Amino acid sequence: PDSDLVDVWTAVAAAGGVDGSGAYAGESYDAMALIILASQAAGSTDRAAIQAQVLNVANGPGFKCQAGDLATCLKMISGGVVVDYVGATGVELDAGGTANGSYAEREVIAGAFTNIKIHK
């Protein structure tokens, strides 16, 4: 994801006592957030109803929601505002629900993750 999303995610994770640099930490957060937002958009906790809304909240157009914006985005959805959840990782899903985005190729060097290459 772009550096702005990484900075926001790092702060959100730290505020929650989570190591945001962990493997798939941002993706896990985004998956949870998409389920919550899609449930709100569906007005239901029914699996099929949530599934029918995931692509609507995951993709544009709409108000861009980042990690840490869940309360605001839930209120917006309740008020009829369309949201585009970009989350921690720059969420964008294709018609089949596969994530389209960038990823970092990382290596552990001296005990810490180091970005080797960013794939877009």
PDB file of N, CA and C in Angstrom:
ATOM      1  N   PRO A   1       0.820  -1.202   0.000  1.00  0.00           N
ATOM      2  CA  PRO A   1       0.000   0.000   0.000  1.00  0.00           C
ATOM      3  C   PRO A   1       0.856   1.254   0.000  1.00  0.00           C
ATOM      4  N   ASP A   2       0.255   2.374  -0.368  1.00  0.00           N
ATOM      5  CA  ASP A   2       1.037   3.604  -0.387  1.00  0.00           C
ATOM      6  C   ASP A   2       1.425   4.009   1.029  1.00  0.00           C
ATOM      7  N   SER A   3       2.389   4.909   1.117  1.00  0.00           N
ATOM      8  CA  SER A   3       2.967   5.249   2.421  1.00  0.00           C
ATOM      9  C   SER A   3       1.959   5.896   3.362  1.00  0.00           C
ATOM     10  N   ASP A   4       0.975   6.651   2.835  1.00  0.00           N
ATOM     11  CA  ASP A   4      -0.039   7.244   3.709  1.00  0.00           C
ATOM     12  C   ASP A   4      -0.850   6.168   4.422  1.00  0.00           C
ATOM     13  N   LEU A   5      -1.262   5.124   3.685  1.00  0.00           N
ATOM     14  CA  LEU A   5      -2.016   4.037   4.305  1.00  0.00           C
ATOM     15  C   LEU A   5      -1.168   3.296   5.329  1.00  0.00           C
ATOM     16  N   VAL A   6       0.098   3.095   5.011  1.00  0.00           N
ATOM     17  CA  VAL A   6       1.002   2.410   5.943  1.00  0.00           C
ATOM     18  C   VAL A   6       1.142   3.216   7.227  1.00  0.00           C
ATOM     19  N   ASP A   7       1.302   4.532   7.106  1.00  0.00           N
ATOM     20  CA  ASP A   7       1.448   5.386   8.290  1.00  0.00           C
ATOM     21  C   ASP A   7       0.200   5.336   9.161  1.00  0.00           C
ATOM     22  N   VAL A   8      -0.972   5.423   8.535  1.00  0.00           N
ATOM     23  CA  VAL A   8      -2.228   5.367   9.289  1.00  0.00           C
ATOM     24  C   VAL A   8      -2.370   4.002   9.959  1.00  0.00           C
ATOM     25  N   TRP A   9      -2.118   2.930   9.198  1.00  0.00           N
ATOM     26  CA  TRP A   9      -2.240   1.581   9.761  1.00  0.00           C
ATOM     27  C   TRP A   9      -1.276   1.383  10.920  1.00  0.00           C
ATOM     28  N   THR A  10      -0.061   1.841  10.792  1.00  0.00           N
ATOM     29  CA  THR A  10       0.938   1.699  11.856  1.00  0.00           C
ATOM     30  C   THR A  10       0.448   2.360  13.138  1.00  0.00           C
ATOM     31  N   ALA A  11      -0.134   3.555  13.015  1.00  0.00           N
ATOM     32  CA  ALA A  11      -0.649   4.275  14.188  1.00  0.00           C
ATOM     33  C   ALA A  11      -1.860   3.562  14.784  1.00  0.00           C
ATOM     34  N   VAL A  12      -2.779   3.086  13.942  1.00  0.00           N
ATOM     35  CA  VAL A  12      -3.974   2.376  14.423  1.00  0.00           C
ATOM     36  C   VAL A  12      -3.569   1.094  15.140  1.00  0.00           C
ATOM     37  N   ALA A  13      -2.664   0.347  14.538  1.00  0.00           N
ATOM     38  CA  ALA A  13      -2.217  -0.906  15.144  1.00  0.00           C
ATOM     39  C   ALA A  13      -1.538  -0.644  16.489  1.00  0.00           C
ATOM     40  N   ALA A  14      -0.646   0.336  16.526  1.00  0.00           N
ATOM     41  CA  ALA A  14       0.059   0.656  17.763  1.00  0.00           C
ATOM     42  C   ALA A  14      -0.917   1.079  18.854  1.00  0.00           C
ATOM     43  N   ALA A  15      -1.923   1.877  18.497  1.00  0.00           N
ATOM     44  CA  ALA A  15      -2.917   2.324  19.476  1.00  0.00           C
ATOM     45  C   ALA A  15      -3.695   1.141  20.040  1.00  0.00           C
ATOM     46  N   GLY A  16      -3.835   0.087  19.256  1.00  0.00           N
ATOM     47  CA  GLY A  16      -4.539  -1.109  19.714  1.00  0.00           C
ATOM     48  C   GLY A  16      -3.631  -2.150  20.339  1.00  0.00           C
ATOM     49  N   GLY A  17      -2.345  -1.815  20.460  1.00  0.00           N
ATOM     50  CA  GLY A  17      -1.402  -2.752  21.062  1.00  0.00           C
ATOM     51  C   GLY A  17      -1.038  -3.904  20.158  1.00  0.00           C
ATOM     52  N   VAL A  18      -1.134  -3.682  18.829  1.00  0.00           N
ATOM     53  CA  VAL A  18      -0.869  -4.729  17.849  1.00  0.00           C
ATOM     54  C   VAL A  18       0.396  -4.375  17.065  1.00  0.00           C
ATOM     55  N   ASP A  19       1.194  -5.377  16.755  1.00  0.00           N
ATOM     56  CA  ASP A  19       2.351  -5.182  15.891  1.00  0.00           C
ATOM     57  C   ASP A  19       1.846  -5.158  14.447  1.00  0.00           C
ATOM     58  N   GLY A  20       1.675  -3.987  13.898  1.00  0.00           N
ATOM     59  CA  GLY A  20       1.142  -3.829  12.553  1.00  0.00           C
ATOM     60  C   GLY A  20       2.053  -4.308  11.454  1.00  0.00           C
ATOM     61  N   SER A  21       3.311  -4.596  11.790  1.00  0.00           N
ATOM     62  CA  SER A  21       4.248  -5.061  10.763  1.00  0.00           C
ATOM     63  C   SER A  21       4.213  -6.581  10.596  1.00  0.00           C
ATOM     64  N   GLY A  22       3.414  -7.249  11.409  1.00  0.00           N
ATOM     65  CA  GLY A  22       3.332  -8.706  11.331  1.00  0.00           C
ATOM     66  C   GLY A  22       2.748  -9.168  10.004  1.00  0.00           C
ATOM     67  N   ALA A  23       3.117 -10.369   9.609  1.00  0.00           N
ATOM     68  CA  ALA A  23       2.630 -10.924   8.349  1.00  0.00           C
ATOM     69  C   ALA A  23       1.106 -10.947   8.333  1.00  0.00           C
ATOM     70  N   TYR A  24       0.532 -10.321   7.337  1.00  0.00           N
ATOM     71  CA  TYR A  24      -0.913 -10.266   7.102  1.00  0.00           C
ATOM     72  C   TYR A  24      -1.704  -9.555   8.196  1.00  0.00           C
ATOM     73  N   ALA A  25      -1.044  -8.759   9.029  1.00  0.00           N
ATOM     74  CA  ALA A  25      -1.768  -8.019  10.074  1.00  0.00           C
ATOM     75  C   ALA A  25      -2.750  -7.035   9.447  1.00  0.00           C
ATOM     76  N   GLY A  26      -2.299  -6.256   8.481  1.00  0.00           N
ATOM     77  CA  GLY A  26      -3.174  -5.292   7.819  1.00  0.00           C
ATOM     78  C   GLY A  26      -4.285  -5.967   7.039  1.00  0.00           C
ATOM     79  N   GLU A  27      -3.965  -7.047   6.362  1.00  0.00           N
ATOM     80  CA  GLU A  27      -4.966  -7.783   5.593  1.00  0.00           C
ATOM     81  C   GLU A  27      -6.039  -8.389   6.510  1.00  0.00           C
ATOM     82  N   SER A  28      -5.620  -8.876   7.676  1.00  0.00           N
ATOM     83  CA  SER A  28      -6.577  -9.444   8.633  1.00  0.00           C
ATOM     84  C   SER A  28      -7.513  -8.366   9.154  1.00  0.00           C
ATOM     85  N   TYR A  29      -6.956  -7.216   9.472  1.00  0.00           N
ATOM     86  CA  TYR A  29      -7.766  -6.089   9.917  1.00  0.00           C
ATOM     87  C   TYR A  29      -8.770  -5.706   8.826  1.00  0.00           C
ATOM     88  N   ASP A  30      -8.290  -5.628   7.591  1.00  0.00           N
ATOM     89  CA  ASP A  30      -9.166  -5.249   6.482  1.00  0.00           C
ATOM     90  C   ASP A  30     -10.285  -6.260   6.256  1.00  0.00           C
ATOM     91  N   ALA A  31      -9.996  -7.531   6.385  1.00  0.00           N
ATOM     92  CA  ALA A  31     -11.025  -8.558   6.218  1.00  0.00           C
ATOM     93  C   ALA A  31     -12.126  -8.382   7.260  1.00  0.00           C
ATOM     94  N   MET A  32     -11.733  -8.157   8.495  1.00  0.00           N
ATOM     95  CA  MET A  32     -12.696  -7.941   9.571  1.00  0.00           C
ATOM     96  C   MET A  32     -13.516  -6.684   9.304  1.00  0.00           C
ATOM     97  N   ALA A  33     -12.853  -5.613   8.903  1.00  0.00           N
ATOM     98  CA  ALA A  33     -13.541  -4.348   8.648  1.00  0.00           C
ATOM     99  C   ALA A  33     -14.545  -4.488   7.498  1.00  0.00           C
ATOM    100  N   LEU A  34     -14.167  -5.199   6.446  1.00  0.00           N
ATOM    101  CA  LEU A  34     -15.086  -5.397   5.317  1.00  0.00           C
ATOM    102  C   LEU A  34     -16.347  -6.142   5.751  1.00  0.00           C
ATOM    103  N   ILE A  35     -16.201  -7.142   6.591  1.00  0.00           N
ATOM    104  CA  ILE A  35     -17.364  -7.892   7.074  1.00  0.00           C
ATOM    105  C   ILE A  35     -18.281  -6.986   7.892  1.00  0.00           C
ATOM    106  N   ILE A  36     -17.688  -6.181   8.763  1.00  0.00           N
ATOM    107  CA  ILE A  36     -18.485  -5.266   9.593  1.00  0.00           C
ATOM    108  C   ILE A  36     -19.204  -4.238   8.723  1.00  0.00           C
ATOM    109  N   LEU A  37     -18.487  -3.617   7.793  1.00  0.00           N
ATOM    110  CA  LEU A  37     -19.090  -2.596   6.932  1.00  0.00           C
ATOM    111  C   LEU A  37     -20.153  -3.190   6.007  1.00  0.00           C
ATOM    112  N   ALA A  38     -19.881  -4.374   5.471  1.00  0.00           N
ATOM    113  CA  ALA A  38     -20.861  -5.021   4.600  1.00  0.00           C
ATOM    114  C   ALA A  38     -22.110  -5.414   5.378  1.00  0.00           C
ATOM    115  N   SER A  39     -21.958  -5.822   6.625  1.00  0.00           N
ATOM    116  CA  SER A  39     -23.100  -6.141   7.470  1.00  0.00           C
ATOM    117  C   SER A  39     -23.957  -4.898   7.700  1.00  0.00           C
ATOM    118  N   GLN A  40     -23.293  -3.780   7.948  1.00  0.00           N
ATOM    119  CA  GLN A  40     -24.026  -2.512   8.133  1.00  0.00           C
ATOM    120  C   GLN A  40     -24.762  -2.131   6.850  1.00  0.00           C
ATOM    121  N   ALA A  41     -24.090  -2.260   5.713  1.00  0.00           N
ATOM    122  CA  ALA A  41     -24.707  -1.922   4.429  1.00  0.00           C
ATOM    123  C   ALA A  41     -25.880  -2.844   4.125  1.00  0.00           C
ATOM    124  N   ALA A  42     -25.775  -4.098   4.533  1.00  0.00           N
ATOM    125  CA  ALA A  42     -26.849  -5.069   4.309  1.00  0.00           C
ATOM    126  C   ALA A  42     -27.996  -4.889   5.291  1.00  0.00           C
ATOM    127  N   GLY A  43     -27.694  -4.262   6.425  1.00  0.00           N
ATOM    128  CA  GLY A  43     -28.701  -4.145   7.478  1.00  0.00           C
ATOM    129  C   GLY A  43     -29.026  -5.493   8.086  1.00  0.00           C
ATOM    130  N   SER A  44     -28.033  -6.386   8.056  1.00  0.00           N
ATOM    131  CA  SER A  44     -28.285  -7.765   8.472  1.00  0.00           C
ATOM    132  C   SER A  44     -26.976  -8.444   8.852  1.00  0.00           C
ATOM    133  N   THR A  45     -27.093  -9.508   9.635  1.00  0.00           N
ATOM    134  CA  THR A  45     -25.932 -10.356   9.914  1.00  0.00           C
ATOM    135  C   THR A  45     -26.027 -11.669   9.147  1.00  0.00           C
ATOM    136  N   ASP A  46     -26.975 -11.761   8.241  1.00  0.00           N
ATOM    137  CA  ASP A  46     -27.123 -12.939   7.396  1.00  0.00           C
ATOM    138  C   ASP A  46     -25.943 -13.034   6.432  1.00  0.00           C
ATOM    139  N   ARG A  47     -25.328 -14.207   6.358  1.00  0.00           N
ATOM    140  CA  ARG A  47     -24.137 -14.398   5.535  1.00  0.00           C
ATOM    141  C   ARG A  47     -24.345 -13.980   4.087  1.00  0.00           C
ATOM    142  N   ALA A  48     -25.433 -14.402   3.479  1.00  0.00           N
ATOM    143  CA  ALA A  48     -25.691 -14.077   2.073  1.00  0.00           C
ATOM    144  C   ALA A  48     -25.881 -12.573   1.870  1.00  0.00           C
ATOM    145  N   ALA A  49     -26.544 -11.929   2.825  1.00  0.00           N
ATOM    146  CA  ALA A  49     -26.753 -10.485   2.730  1.00  0.00           C
ATOM    147  C   ALA A  49     -25.423  -9.733   2.840  1.00  0.00           C
ATOM    148  N   ILE A  50     -24.571 -10.177   3.743  1.00  0.00           N
ATOM    149  CA  ILE A  50     -23.252  -9.564   3.892  1.00  0.00           C
ATOM    150  C   ILE A  50     -22.429  -9.775   2.621  1.00  0.00           C
ATOM    151  N   GLN A  51     -22.429 -11.003   2.131  1.00  0.00           N
ATOM    152  CA  GLN A  51     -21.678 -11.331   0.913  1.00  0.00           C
ATOM    153  C   GLN A  51     -22.097 -10.438  -0.252  1.00  0.00           C
ATOM    154  N   ALA A  52     -23.379 -10.143  -0.349  1.00  0.00           N
ATOM    155  CA  ALA A  52     -23.900  -9.321  -1.445  1.00  0.00           C
ATOM    156  C   ALA A  52     -23.419  -7.873  -1.359  1.00  0.00           C
ATOM    157  N   GLN A  53     -22.937  -7.442  -0.197  1.00  0.00           N
ATOM    158  CA  GLN A  53     -22.513  -6.053  -0.006  1.00  0.00           C
ATOM    159  C   GLN A  53     -20.996  -5.847   0.013  1.00  0.00           C
ATOM    160  N   VAL A  54     -20.226  -6.921   0.111  1.00  0.00           N
ATOM    161  CA  VAL A  54     -18.775  -6.776   0.267  1.00  0.00           C
ATOM    162  C   VAL A  54     -18.156  -5.957  -0.867  1.00  0.00           C
ATOM    163  N   LEU A  55     -18.454  -6.287  -2.101  1.00  0.00           N
ATOM    164  CA  LEU A  55     -17.869  -5.544  -3.224  1.00  0.00           C
ATOM    165  C   LEU A  55     -18.317  -4.084  -3.234  1.00  0.00           C
ATOM    166  N   ASN A  56     -19.525  -3.824  -2.764  1.00  0.00           N
ATOM    167  CA  ASN A  56     -20.024  -2.441  -2.738  1.00  0.00           C
ATOM    168  C   ASN A  56     -19.253  -1.572  -1.755  1.00  0.00           C
ATOM    169  N   VAL A  57     -18.842  -2.133  -0.621  1.00  0.00           N
ATOM    170  CA  VAL A  57     -18.101  -1.321   0.352  1.00  0.00           C
ATOM    171  C   VAL A  57     -16.587  -1.377   0.113  1.00  0.00           C
ATOM    172  N   ALA A  58     -16.135  -2.365  -0.641  1.00  0.00           N
ATOM    173  CA  ALA A  58     -14.692  -2.525  -0.868  1.00  0.00           C
ATOM    174  C   ALA A  58     -14.180  -1.692  -2.031  1.00  0.00           C
ATOM    175  N   ASN A  59     -15.048  -1.298  -2.925  1.00  0.00           N
ATOM    176  CA  ASN A  59     -14.609  -0.623  -4.150  1.00  0.00           C
ATOM    177  C   ASN A  59     -15.301   0.726  -4.301  1.00  0.00           C
ATOM    178  N   GLY A  60     -14.631   1.615  -5.037  1.00  0.00           N
ATOM    179  CA  GLY A  60     -15.190   2.932  -5.322  1.00  0.00           C
ATOM    180  C   GLY A  60     -16.354   2.845  -6.272  1.00  0.00           C
ATOM    181  N   PRO A  61     -17.059   3.906  -6.469  1.00  0.00           N
ATOM    182  CA  PRO A  61     -16.800   5.216  -5.865  1.00  0.00           C
ATOM    183  C   PRO A  61     -17.327   5.259  -4.434  1.00  0.00           C
ATOM    184  N   GLY A  62     -17.013   6.331  -3.766  1.00  0.00           N
ATOM    185  CA  GLY A  62     -17.534   6.527  -2.419  1.00  0.00           C
ATOM    186  C   GLY A  62     -16.530   7.236  -1.541  1.00  0.00           C
ATOM    187  N   PHE A  63     -16.961   7.545  -0.327  1.00  0.00           N
ATOM    188  CA  PHE A  63     -16.112   8.184   0.672  1.00  0.00           C
ATOM    189  C   PHE A  63     -15.016   7.206   1.060  1.00  0.00           C
ATOM    190  N   LYS A  64     -13.760   7.619   0.925  1.00  0.00           N
ATOM    191  CA  LYS A  64     -12.611   6.755   1.236  1.00  0.00           C
ATOM    192  C   LYS A  64     -12.499   6.543   2.743  1.00  0.00           C
ATOM    193  N   CYS A  65     -12.562   5.292   3.158  1.00  0.00           N
ATOM    194  CA  CYS A  65     -12.428   4.912   4.562  1.00  0.00           C
ATOM    195  C   CYS A  65     -11.095   4.201   4.760  1.00  0.00           C
ATOM    196  N   GLN A  66     -10.301   4.698   5.697  1.00  0.00           N
ATOM    197  CA  GLN A  66      -9.025   4.075   6.008  1.00  0.00           C
ATOM    198  C   GLN A  66      -9.121   3.295   7.306  1.00  0.00           C
ATOM    199  N   ALA A  67      -8.063   2.588   7.625  1.00  0.00           N
ATOM    200  CA  ALA A  67      -7.976   1.898   8.910  1.00  0.00           C
ATOM    201  C   ALA A  67      -8.208   2.926  10.011  1.00  0.00           C
ATOM    202  N   GLY A  68      -8.966   2.541  11.015  1.00  0.00           N
ATOM    203  CA  GLY A  68      -9.254   3.444  12.127  1.00  0.00           C
ATOM    204  C   GLY A  68     -10.490   4.301  11.920  1.00  0.00           C
ATOM    205  N   ASP A  69     -11.080   4.280  10.719  1.00  0.00           N
ATOM    206  CA  ASP A  69     -12.270   5.085  10.396  1.00  0.00           C
ATOM    207  C   ASP A  69     -13.575   4.306  10.519  1.00  0.00           C
ATOM    208  N   LEU A  70     -13.555   3.138  11.118  1.00  0.00           N
ATOM    209  CA  LEU A  70     -14.743   2.285  11.093  1.00  0.00           C
ATOM    210  C   LEU A  70     -15.987   2.955  11.680  1.00  0.00           C
ATOM    211  N   ALA A  71     -15.868   3.634  12.800  1.00  0.00           N
ATOM    212  CA  ALA A  71     -17.039   4.267  13.420  1.00  0.00           C
ATOM    213  C   ALA A  71     -17.639   5.303  12.482  1.00  0.00           C
ATOM    214  N   THR A  72     -16.801   6.115  11.883  1.00  0.00           N
ATOM    215  CA  THR A  72     -17.271   7.136  10.938  1.00  0.00           C
ATOM    216  C   THR A  72     -17.926   6.484   9.730  1.00  0.00           C
ATOM    217  N   CYS A  73     -17.312   5.452   9.200  1.00  0.00           N
ATOM    218  CA  CYS A  73     -17.841   4.779   8.011  1.00  0.00           C
ATOM    219  C   CYS A  73     -19.164   4.079   8.303  1.00  0.00           C
ATOM    220  N   LEU A  74     -19.297   3.493   9.481  1.00  0.00           N
ATOM    221  CA  LEU A  74     -20.563   2.855   9.859  1.00  0.00           C
ATOM    222  C   LEU A  74     -21.686   3.888   9.915  1.00  0.00           C
ATOM    223  N   LYS A  75     -21.389   5.070  10.483  1.00  0.00           N
ATOM    224  CA  LYS A  75     -22.387   6.142  10.538  1.00  0.00           C
ATOM    225  C   LYS A  75     -22.747   6.608   9.136  1.00  0.00           C
ATOM    226  N   MET A  76     -21.753   6.713   8.270  1.00  0.00           N
ATOM    227  CA  MET A  76     -22.017   7.152   6.901  1.00  0.00           C
ATOM    228  C   MET A  76     -22.925   6.154   6.174  1.00  0.00           C
ATOM    229  N   ILE A  77     -22.616   4.887   6.310  1.00  0.00           N
ATOM    230  CA  ILE A  77     -23.443   3.850   5.674  1.00  0.00           C
ATOM    231  C   ILE A  77     -24.870   3.929   6.212  1.00  0.00           C
ATOM    232  N   SER A  78     -25.009   4.096   7.521  1.00  0.00           N
ATOM    233  CA  SER A  78     -26.343   4.215   8.126  1.00  0.00           C
ATOM    234  C   SER A  78     -27.109   5.403   7.564  1.00  0.00           C
ATOM    235  N   GLY A  79     -26.377   6.454   7.207  1.00  0.00           N
ATOM    236  CA  GLY A  79     -26.995   7.655   6.648  1.00  0.00           C
ATOM    237  C   GLY A  79     -27.175   7.604   5.142  1.00  0.00           C
ATOM    238  N   GLY A  80     -26.842   6.469   4.530  1.00  0.00           N
ATOM    239  CA  GLY A  80     -27.037   6.324   3.094  1.00  0.00           C
ATOM    240  C   GLY A  80     -25.868   6.767   2.231  1.00  0.00           C
ATOM    241  N   VAL A  81     -24.747   7.096   2.860  1.00  0.00           N
ATOM    242  CA  VAL A  81     -23.553   7.510   2.110  1.00  0.00           C
ATOM    243  C   VAL A  81     -22.808   6.266   1.620  1.00  0.00           C
ATOM    244  N   VAL A  82     -22.385   6.292   0.379  1.00  0.00           N
ATOM    245  CA  VAL A  82     -21.613   5.188  -0.200  1.00  0.00           C
ATOM    246  C   VAL A  82     -20.168   5.333   0.263  1.00  0.00           C
ATOM    247  N   VAL A  83     -19.571   4.230   0.724  1.00  0.00           N
ATOM    248  CA  VAL A  83     -18.174   4.250   1.162  1.00  0.00           C
ATOM    249  C   VAL A  83     -17.319   3.356   0.267  1.00  0.00           C
ATOM    250  N   ASP A  84     -16.050   3.680   0.235  1.00  0.00           N
ATOM    251  CA  ASP A  84     -15.032   2.908  -0.480  1.00  0.00           C
ATOM    252  C   ASP A  84     -13.954   2.580   0.538  1.00  0.00           C
ATOM    253  N   TYR A  85     -14.013   1.393   1.104  1.00  0.00           N
ATOM    254  CA  TYR A  85     -13.058   1.009   2.137  1.00  0.00           C
ATOM    255  C   TYR A  85     -11.704   0.689   1.512  1.00  0.00           C
ATOM    256  N   VAL A  86     -10.707   1.517   1.802  1.00  0.00           N
ATOM    257  CA  VAL A  86      -9.345   1.263   1.329  1.00  0.00           C
ATOM    258  C   VAL A  86      -8.493   0.658   2.437  1.00  0.00           C
ATOM    259  N   GLY A  87      -8.908   0.894   3.671  1.00  0.00           N
ATOM    260  CA  GLY A  87      -8.318   0.234   4.821  1.00  0.00           C
ATOM    261  C   GLY A  87      -6.841   0.426   5.027  1.00  0.00           C
ATOM    262  N   ALA A  88      -6.222  -0.620   5.530  1.00  0.00           N
ATOM    263  CA  ALA A  88      -4.799  -0.615   5.847  1.00  0.00           C
ATOM    264  C   ALA A  88      -3.937  -0.944   4.635  1.00  0.00           C
ATOM    265  N   THR A  89      -4.536  -1.637   3.664  1.00  0.00           N
ATOM    266  CA  THR A  89      -3.723  -2.202   2.578  1.00  0.00           C
ATOM    267  C   THR A  89      -4.110  -1.741   1.179  1.00  0.00           C
ATOM    268  N   GLY A  90      -5.000  -0.750   1.069  1.00  0.00           N
ATOM    269  CA  GLY A  90      -5.412  -0.301  -0.257  1.00  0.00           C
ATOM    270  C   GLY A  90      -6.376  -1.264  -0.916  1.00  0.00           C
ATOM    271  N   VAL A  91      -7.368  -1.719  -0.167  1.00  0.00           N
ATOM    272  CA  VAL A  91      -8.315  -2.733  -0.629  1.00  0.00           C
ATOM    273  C   VAL A  91      -8.973  -2.333  -1.948  1.00  0.00           C
ATOM    274  N   GLU A  92      -8.949  -3.245  -2.879  1.00  0.00           N
ATOM    275  CA  GLU A  92      -9.686  -3.161  -4.147  1.00  0.00           C
ATOM    276  C   GLU A  92      -9.912  -4.602  -4.576  1.00  0.00           C
ATOM    277  N   LEU A  93     -11.167  -4.982  -4.757  1.00  0.00           N
ATOM    278  CA  LEU A  93     -11.495  -6.358  -5.098  1.00  0.00           C
ATOM    279  C   LEU A  93     -12.038  -6.443  -6.512  1.00  0.00           C
ATOM    280  N   ASP A  94     -11.678  -7.524  -7.218  1.00  0.00           N
ATOM    281  CA  ASP A  94     -12.263  -7.728  -8.547  1.00  0.00           C
ATOM    282  C   ASP A  94     -13.636  -8.366  -8.393  1.00  0.00           C
ATOM    283  N   ALA A  95     -14.309  -8.603  -9.507  1.00  0.00           N
ATOM    284  CA  ALA A  95     -15.682  -9.122  -9.484  1.00  0.00           C
ATOM    285  C   ALA A  95     -15.799 -10.459  -8.749  1.00  0.00           C
ATOM    286  N   GLY A  96     -14.734 -11.237  -8.710  1.00  0.00           N
ATOM    287  CA  GLY A  96     -14.740 -12.520  -8.015  1.00  0.00           C
ATOM    288  C   GLY A  96     -14.350 -12.415  -6.554  1.00  0.00           C
ATOM    289  N   GLY A  97     -14.014 -11.202  -6.093  1.00  0.00           N
ATOM    290  CA  GLY A  97     -13.636 -10.992  -4.702  1.00  0.00           C
ATOM    291  C   GLY A  97     -12.152 -11.140  -4.420  1.00  0.00           C
ATOM    292  N   THR A  98     -11.349 -11.269  -5.485  1.00  0.00           N
ATOM    293  CA  THR A  98      -9.903 -11.382  -5.307  1.00  0.00           C
ATOM    294  C   THR A  98      -9.301  -9.994  -5.114  1.00  0.00           C
ATOM    295  N   ALA A  99      -8.405  -9.872  -4.163  1.00  0.00           N
ATOM    296  CA  ALA A  99      -7.763  -8.588  -3.893  1.00  0.00           C
ATOM    297  C   ALA A  99      -6.825  -8.210  -5.026  1.00  0.00           C
ATOM    298  N   ASN A 100      -7.012  -7.008  -5.519  1.00  0.00           N
ATOM    299  CA  ASN A 100      -6.108  -6.439  -6.521  1.00  0.00           C
ATOM    300  C   ASN A 100      -5.347  -5.320  -5.833  1.00  0.00           C
ATOM    301  N   GLY A 101      -4.094  -5.437  -5.748  1.00  0.00           N
ATOM    302  CA  GLY A 101      -3.344  -4.391  -5.073  1.00  0.00           C
ATOM    303  C   GLY A 101      -1.867  -4.682  -5.109  1.00  0.00           C
ATOM    304  N   SER A 102      -1.168  -3.947  -4.308  1.00  0.00           N
ATOM    305  CA  SER A 102       0.273  -4.085  -4.250  1.00  0.00           C
ATOM    306  C   SER A 102       0.653  -4.974  -3.072  1.00  0.00           C
ATOM    307  N   TYR A 103       1.877  -5.416  -3.109  1.00  0.00           N
ATOM    308  CA  TYR A 103       2.391  -6.146  -1.961  1.00  0.00           C
ATOM    309  C   TYR A 103       3.892  -5.909  -1.871  1.00  0.00           C
ATOM    310  N   ALA A 104       4.391  -6.060  -0.676  1.00  0.00           N
ATOM    311  CA  ALA A 104       5.816  -5.855  -0.430  1.00  0.00           C
ATOM    312  C   ALA A 104       6.506  -7.208  -0.331  1.00  0.00           C
ATOM    313  N   GLU A 105       7.591  -7.339  -1.048  1.00  0.00           N
ATOM    314  CA  GLU A 105       8.462  -8.506  -0.906  1.00  0.00           C
ATOM    315  C   GLU A 105       9.422  -8.139   0.218  1.00  0.00           C
ATOM    316  N   ARG A 106       9.387  -8.928   1.317  1.00  0.00           N
ATOM    317  CA  ARG A 106      10.154  -8.567   2.499  1.00  0.00           C
ATOM    318  C   ARG A 106      11.104  -9.686   2.876  1.00  0.00           C
ATOM    319  N   GLU A 107      12.177  -9.295   3.537  1.00  0.00           N
ATOM    320  CA  GLU A 107      13.176 -10.242   4.015  1.00  0.00           C
ATOM    321  C   GLU A 107      13.537  -9.853   5.442  1.00  0.00           C
ATOM    322  N   VAL A 108      13.806 -10.851   6.261  1.00  0.00           N
ATOM    323  CA  VAL A 108      14.249 -10.557   7.614  1.00  0.00           C
ATOM    324  C   VAL A 108      15.756 -10.356   7.577  1.00  0.00           C
ATOM    325  N   ILE A 109      16.166  -9.155   7.928  1.00  0.00           N
ATOM    326  CA  ILE A 109      17.586  -8.803   7.960  1.00  0.00           C
ATOM    327  C   ILE A 109      17.884  -8.261   9.354  1.00  0.00           C
ATOM    328  N   ALA A 110      18.843  -8.852  10.013  1.00  0.00           N
ATOM    329  CA  ALA A 110      19.232  -8.459  11.369  1.00  0.00           C
ATOM    330  C   ALA A 110      18.031  -8.456  12.308  1.00  0.00           C
ATOM    331  N   GLY A 111      17.139  -9.441  12.141  1.00  0.00           N
ATOM    332  CA  GLY A 111      16.006  -9.597  13.040  1.00  0.00           C
ATOM    333  C   GLY A 111      14.824  -8.683  12.774  1.00  0.00           C
ATOM    334  N   ALA A 112      14.851  -7.932  11.667  1.00  0.00           N
ATOM    335  CA  ALA A 112      13.744  -7.018  11.355  1.00  0.00           C
ATOM    336  C   ALA A 112      13.325  -7.175   9.896  1.00  0.00           C
ATOM    337  N   PHE A 113      12.021  -6.958   9.629  1.00  0.00           N
ATOM    338  CA  PHE A 113      11.540  -7.002   8.254  1.00  0.00           C
ATOM    339  C   PHE A 113      12.096  -5.817   7.479  1.00  0.00           C
ATOM    340  N   THR A 114      12.581  -6.086   6.267  1.00  0.00           N
ATOM    341  CA  THR A 114      13.103  -5.057   5.379  1.00  0.00           C
ATOM    342  C   THR A 114      12.444  -5.238   4.017  1.00  0.00           C
ATOM    343  N   ASN A 115      11.851  -4.141   3.488  1.00  0.00           N
ATOM    344  CA  ASN A 115      11.259  -4.216   2.150  1.00  0.00           C
ATOM    345  C   ASN A 115      12.358  -4.388   1.110  1.00  0.00           C
ATOM    346  N   ILE A 116      12.203  -5.408   0.289  1.00  0.00           N
ATOM    347  CA  ILE A 116      13.150  -5.676  -0.788  1.00  0.00           C
ATOM    348  C   ILE A 116      12.633  -5.055  -2.081  1.00  0.00           C
ATOM    349  N   LYS A 117      11.323  -5.239  -2.335  1.00  0.00           N
ATOM    350  CA  LYS A 117      10.716  -4.697  -3.546  1.00  0.00           C
ATOM    351  C   LYS A 117       9.214  -4.545  -3.308  1.00  0.00           C
ATOM    352  N   ILE A 118       8.640  -3.463  -3.826  1.00  0.00           N
ATOM    353  CA  ILE A 118       7.196  -3.238  -3.763  1.00  0.00           C
ATOM    354  C   ILE A 118       6.617  -3.609  -5.129  1.00  0.00           C
ATOM    355  N   HIS A 119       5.676  -4.536  -5.156  1.00  0.00           N
ATOM    356  CA  HIS A 119       5.033  -4.975  -6.406  1.00  0.00           C
ATOM    357  C   HIS A 119       3.685  -4.301  -6.516  1.00  0.00           C
ATOM    358  N   LYS A 120       3.415  -3.690  -7.652  1.00  0.00           N
ATOM    359  CA  LYS A 120       2.130  -2.999  -7.859  1.00  0.00           C
ATOM    360  C   LYS A 120       1.410  -3.577  -9.039  1.00  0.00           C
TER     361      LYS A 120
END
